[in-house]
């Protein structure tokens, strides 16, 4: 089962500690925040990449991708650029190790882009892939047979 808060605790919080920057949810930003920080958001929370499952009962395993937005915010643009480089280095090294504890894999990291909304900063989009499971307790009907009623004459 995917627990988004666990992903934050096991992946983003260690990143913030390693980079000496607080990690805060994008929707709880304070306008008066002075020190540099990393804001995060789940830009695309659940992208089902699984083939169609025809099992009638039992556990269903899904392959899921999700895209996270990491927004580096600071007063100076050059400071954001330098911190972005540090963040990328962490993602390519220690970050990959942190993802194994979730377990998840990093499948794509977009290029850094300047953002103005909802707050100004240097943003990175990182796509993760992981498995999710559901228990199906009812009988799933994959096909429905339709019979024609022939008219009597």
C-alpha atoms as a PDB file:
ATOM      1  CA  UNK A   1       0.000   0.000   0.000  1.00  0.00           C
ATOM      2  CA  UNK A   2       1.273   3.457  -0.872  1.00  0.00           C
ATOM      3  CA  UNK A   3       1.565   5.830   2.084  1.00  0.00           C
ATOM      4  CA  UNK A   4       2.520   9.271   0.793  1.00  0.00           C
ATOM      5  CA  UNK A   5       3.525  10.531   4.249  1.00  0.00           C
ATOM      6  CA  UNK A   6       6.037   7.664   4.501  1.00  0.00           C
ATOM      7  CA  UNK A   7       7.574   8.784   1.217  1.00  0.00           C
ATOM      8  CA  UNK A   8       8.007  12.275   2.666  1.00  0.00           C
ATOM      9  CA  UNK A   9       9.546  10.899   5.893  1.00  0.00           C
ATOM     10  CA  UNK A  10      11.882   8.388   4.234  1.00  0.00           C
ATOM     11  CA  UNK A  11      12.921  10.352   1.141  1.00  0.00           C
ATOM     12  CA  UNK A  12      12.326  14.105   1.432  1.00  0.00           C
ATOM     13  CA  UNK A  13      13.101  14.686   5.121  1.00  0.00           C
ATOM     14  CA  UNK A  14      16.556  13.005   4.856  1.00  0.00           C
ATOM     15  CA  UNK A  15      17.204  15.119   1.749  1.00  0.00           C
ATOM     16  CA  UNK A  16      16.395  18.303   3.669  1.00  0.00           C
ATOM     17  CA  UNK A  17      18.652  17.266   6.555  1.00  0.00           C
ATOM     18  CA  UNK A  18      21.547  16.462   4.217  1.00  0.00           C
ATOM     19  CA  UNK A  19      21.170  19.813   2.435  1.00  0.00           C
ATOM     20  CA  UNK A  20      20.525  21.805   5.657  1.00  0.00           C
ATOM     21  CA  UNK A  21      17.209  23.079   4.329  1.00  0.00           C
ATOM     22  CA  UNK A  22      13.738  22.717   5.826  1.00  0.00           C
ATOM     23  CA  UNK A  23      11.303  20.678   3.718  1.00  0.00           C
ATOM     24  CA  UNK A  24       7.721  21.981   3.785  1.00  0.00           C
ATOM     25  CA  UNK A  25       4.503  21.114   1.946  1.00  0.00           C
ATOM     26  CA  UNK A  26       3.780  23.551  -0.871  1.00  0.00           C
ATOM     27  CA  UNK A  27       0.289  24.243   0.467  1.00  0.00           C
ATOM     28  CA  UNK A  28       1.577  25.381   3.875  1.00  0.00           C
ATOM     29  CA  UNK A  29       4.102  28.010   2.784  1.00  0.00           C
ATOM     30  CA  UNK A  30       4.422  31.157   4.856  1.00  0.00           C
ATOM     31  CA  UNK A  31       4.847  34.471   3.076  1.00  0.00           C
ATOM     32  CA  UNK A  32       7.438  35.655   5.588  1.00  0.00           C
ATOM     33  CA  UNK A  33       9.768  32.653   5.211  1.00  0.00           C
ATOM     34  CA  UNK A  34      13.281  34.139   5.035  1.00  0.00           C
ATOM     35  CA  UNK A  35      15.713  31.225   5.054  1.00  0.00           C
ATOM     36  CA  UNK A  36      16.126  28.977   2.003  1.00  0.00           C
ATOM     37  CA  UNK A  37      13.795  25.978   1.954  1.00  0.00           C
ATOM     38  CA  UNK A  38      12.487  23.179  -0.253  1.00  0.00           C
ATOM     39  CA  UNK A  39       8.745  23.048  -0.861  1.00  0.00           C
ATOM     40  CA  UNK A  40       7.220  19.824  -2.156  1.00  0.00           C
ATOM     41  CA  UNK A  41       3.992  18.801  -3.821  1.00  0.00           C
ATOM     42  CA  UNK A  42       2.695  15.608  -5.398  1.00  0.00           C
ATOM     43  CA  UNK A  43       2.036  17.026  -8.875  1.00  0.00           C
ATOM     44  CA  UNK A  44       0.684  13.723 -10.249  1.00  0.00           C
ATOM     45  CA  UNK A  45      -0.227  11.445  -7.348  1.00  0.00           C
ATOM     46  CA  UNK A  46      -1.301   8.183  -9.014  1.00  0.00           C
ATOM     47  CA  UNK A  47      -0.572   7.122 -12.582  1.00  0.00           C
ATOM     48  CA  UNK A  48      -1.620   3.503 -13.155  1.00  0.00           C
ATOM     49  CA  UNK A  49       0.939   1.863 -15.466  1.00  0.00           C
ATOM     50  CA  UNK A  50      -0.318  -1.707 -15.004  1.00  0.00           C
ATOM     51  CA  UNK A  51      -1.671  -3.988 -17.672  1.00  0.00           C
ATOM     52  CA  UNK A  52      -5.328  -4.978 -17.352  1.00  0.00           C
ATOM     53  CA  UNK A  53      -5.895  -7.486 -14.552  1.00  0.00           C
ATOM     54  CA  UNK A  54      -8.290 -10.339 -15.234  1.00  0.00           C
ATOM     55  CA  UNK A  55      -8.000 -12.052 -11.851  1.00  0.00           C
ATOM     56  CA  UNK A  56     -11.398 -12.750 -10.409  1.00  0.00           C
ATOM     57  CA  UNK A  57     -10.420 -12.581  -6.733  1.00  0.00           C
ATOM     58  CA  UNK A  58      -7.504 -12.030  -4.412  1.00  0.00           C
ATOM     59  CA  UNK A  59      -4.615  -9.603  -4.431  1.00  0.00           C
ATOM     60  CA  UNK A  60      -4.270  -7.201  -7.316  1.00  0.00           C
ATOM     61  CA  UNK A  61      -0.838  -5.679  -7.822  1.00  0.00           C
ATOM     62  CA  UNK A  62      -0.515  -2.352  -9.611  1.00  0.00           C
ATOM     63  CA  UNK A  63       2.550  -0.623 -10.999  1.00  0.00           C
ATOM     64  CA  UNK A  64       2.148   3.036 -10.174  1.00  0.00           C
ATOM     65  CA  UNK A  65       4.083   6.171 -11.021  1.00  0.00           C
ATOM     66  CA  UNK A  66       3.829   9.488  -9.259  1.00  0.00           C
ATOM     67  CA  UNK A  67       5.449  12.823  -9.972  1.00  0.00           C
ATOM     68  CA  UNK A  68       6.782  15.042  -7.203  1.00  0.00           C
ATOM     69  CA  UNK A  69       7.567  18.739  -7.551  1.00  0.00           C
ATOM     70  CA  UNK A  70      10.500  19.947  -5.455  1.00  0.00           C
ATOM     71  CA  UNK A  71      10.744  23.732  -5.366  1.00  0.00           C
ATOM     72  CA  UNK A  72      13.946  25.323  -4.069  1.00  0.00           C
ATOM     73  CA  UNK A  73      13.215  28.771  -2.659  1.00  0.00           C
ATOM     74  CA  UNK A  74      15.719  31.412  -1.595  1.00  0.00           C
ATOM     75  CA  UNK A  75      16.178  35.173  -1.847  1.00  0.00           C
ATOM     76  CA  UNK A  76      18.994  34.896  -4.415  1.00  0.00           C
ATOM     77  CA  UNK A  77      18.764  33.139  -7.777  1.00  0.00           C
ATOM     78  CA  UNK A  78      22.406  32.042  -7.701  1.00  0.00           C
ATOM     79  CA  UNK A  79      21.847  30.477  -4.272  1.00  0.00           C
ATOM     80  CA  UNK A  80      18.927  28.481  -5.729  1.00  0.00           C
ATOM     81  CA  UNK A  81      21.104  27.325  -8.642  1.00  0.00           C
ATOM     82  CA  UNK A  82      23.859  26.125  -6.297  1.00  0.00           C
ATOM     83  CA  UNK A  83      21.366  24.402  -4.000  1.00  0.00           C
ATOM     84  CA  UNK A  84      19.728  22.758  -7.019  1.00  0.00           C
ATOM     85  CA  UNK A  85      23.055  21.217  -7.969  1.00  0.00           C
ATOM     86  CA  UNK A  86      23.441  19.893  -4.423  1.00  0.00           C
ATOM     87  CA  UNK A  87      19.901  18.509  -4.486  1.00  0.00           C
ATOM     88  CA  UNK A  88      20.550  16.743  -7.800  1.00  0.00           C
ATOM     89  CA  UNK A  89      23.745  15.216  -6.438  1.00  0.00           C
ATOM     90  CA  UNK A  90      21.894  13.970  -3.364  1.00  0.00           C
ATOM     91  CA  UNK A  91      19.112  12.482  -5.505  1.00  0.00           C
ATOM     92  CA  UNK A  92      21.618  10.604  -7.677  1.00  0.00           C
ATOM     93  CA  UNK A  93      23.474   9.181  -4.661  1.00  0.00           C
ATOM     94  CA  UNK A  94      21.927   8.997  -1.183  1.00  0.00           C
ATOM     95  CA  UNK A  95      18.438   9.655  -2.532  1.00  0.00           C
ATOM     96  CA  UNK A  96      18.430   6.434  -4.520  1.00  0.00           C
ATOM     97  CA  UNK A  97      19.365   4.543  -1.363  1.00  0.00           C
ATOM     98  CA  UNK A  98      16.541   6.217   0.587  1.00  0.00           C
ATOM     99  CA  UNK A  99      14.048   5.186  -2.091  1.00  0.00           C
ATOM    100  CA  UNK A 100      14.910   1.510  -1.558  1.00  0.00           C
ATOM    101  CA  UNK A 101      13.425   1.745   1.961  1.00  0.00           C
ATOM    102  CA  UNK A 102      10.007   2.753   0.600  1.00  0.00           C
ATOM    103  CA  UNK A 103      10.457   0.723  -1.859  1.00  0.00           C
ATOM    104  CA  UNK A 104      10.402   2.885  -4.972  1.00  0.00           C
ATOM    105  CA  UNK A 105      12.632   3.653  -7.935  1.00  0.00           C
ATOM    106  CA  UNK A 106      13.346   6.937  -9.615  1.00  0.00           C
ATOM    107  CA  UNK A 107      12.348   6.713 -13.274  1.00  0.00           C
ATOM    108  CA  UNK A 108      12.764  10.301 -14.449  1.00  0.00           C
ATOM    109  CA  UNK A 109      14.139  13.607 -13.269  1.00  0.00           C
ATOM    110  CA  UNK A 110      13.140  16.627 -15.308  1.00  0.00           C
ATOM    111  CA  UNK A 111      15.301  19.651 -15.972  1.00  0.00           C
ATOM    112  CA  UNK A 112      15.326  22.430 -13.398  1.00  0.00           C
ATOM    113  CA  UNK A 113      12.897  25.204 -14.330  1.00  0.00           C
ATOM    114  CA  UNK A 114      12.183  28.605 -12.871  1.00  0.00           C
ATOM    115  CA  UNK A 115       8.687  28.826 -11.368  1.00  0.00           C
ATOM    116  CA  UNK A 116       6.663  31.849 -10.386  1.00  0.00           C
ATOM    117  CA  UNK A 117       3.468  30.163  -9.176  1.00  0.00           C
ATOM    118  CA  UNK A 118       2.424  29.396  -6.491  1.00  0.00           C
ATOM    119  CA  UNK A 119       5.715  30.832  -5.239  1.00  0.00           C
ATOM    120  CA  UNK A 120       8.947  31.817  -6.956  1.00  0.00           C
ATOM    121  CA  UNK A 121      11.713  29.241  -6.986  1.00  0.00           C
ATOM    122  CA  UNK A 122      13.691  26.700  -8.967  1.00  0.00           C
ATOM    123  CA  UNK A 123      11.612  23.579  -9.514  1.00  0.00           C
ATOM    124  CA  UNK A 124      12.471  19.954 -10.249  1.00  0.00           C
ATOM    125  CA  UNK A 125       9.982  17.256 -11.202  1.00  0.00           C
ATOM    126  CA  UNK A 126      10.939  13.744 -10.123  1.00  0.00           C
ATOM    127  CA  UNK A 127       8.938  10.694 -11.181  1.00  0.00           C
ATOM    128  CA  UNK A 128       8.908   7.629  -8.939  1.00  0.00           C
ATOM    129  CA  UNK A 129       7.636   4.116  -9.674  1.00  0.00           C
ATOM    130  CA  UNK A 130       6.406   1.645  -7.092  1.00  0.00           C
ATOM    131  CA  UNK A 131       3.958  -1.182  -6.546  1.00  0.00           C
ATOM    132  CA  UNK A 132       0.562  -0.927  -4.925  1.00  0.00           C
ATOM    133  CA  UNK A 133      -1.742  -3.738  -3.817  1.00  0.00           C
ATOM    134  CA  UNK A 134      -5.473  -4.107  -3.391  1.00  0.00           C
ATOM    135  CA  UNK A 135      -7.590  -6.996  -2.160  1.00  0.00           C
ATOM    136  CA  UNK A 136     -10.506  -7.880  -4.420  1.00  0.00           C
ATOM    137  CA  UNK A 137     -13.128  -9.783  -2.430  1.00  0.00           C
ATOM    138  CA  UNK A 138     -15.906  -9.977  -5.000  1.00  0.00           C
ATOM    139  CA  UNK A 139     -16.094 -11.978  -8.210  1.00  0.00           C
ATOM    140  CA  UNK A 140     -15.004  -9.840 -11.112  1.00  0.00           C
ATOM    141  CA  UNK A 141     -16.824 -10.409 -14.391  1.00  0.00           C
ATOM    142  CA  UNK A 142     -14.443  -9.790 -17.248  1.00  0.00           C
ATOM    143  CA  UNK A 143     -16.906 -10.500 -20.056  1.00  0.00           C
ATOM    144  CA  UNK A 144     -20.644 -10.529 -20.205  1.00  0.00           C
ATOM    145  CA  UNK A 145     -22.267 -12.964 -22.602  1.00  0.00           C
ATOM    146  CA  UNK A 146     -25.245 -11.460 -24.337  1.00  0.00           C
ATOM    147  CA  UNK A 147     -27.869 -13.717 -25.860  1.00  0.00           C
ATOM    148  CA  UNK A 148     -30.159 -12.595 -28.585  1.00  0.00           C
ATOM    149  CA  UNK A 149     -33.821 -13.225 -28.239  1.00  0.00           C
ATOM    150  CA  UNK A 150     -35.129 -14.442 -31.548  1.00  0.00           C
ATOM    151  CA  UNK A 151     -38.551 -13.257 -32.550  1.00  0.00           C
ATOM    152  CA  UNK A 152     -41.200 -15.907 -33.053  1.00  0.00           C
ATOM    153  CA  UNK A 153     -43.258 -15.582 -36.179  1.00  0.00           C
END
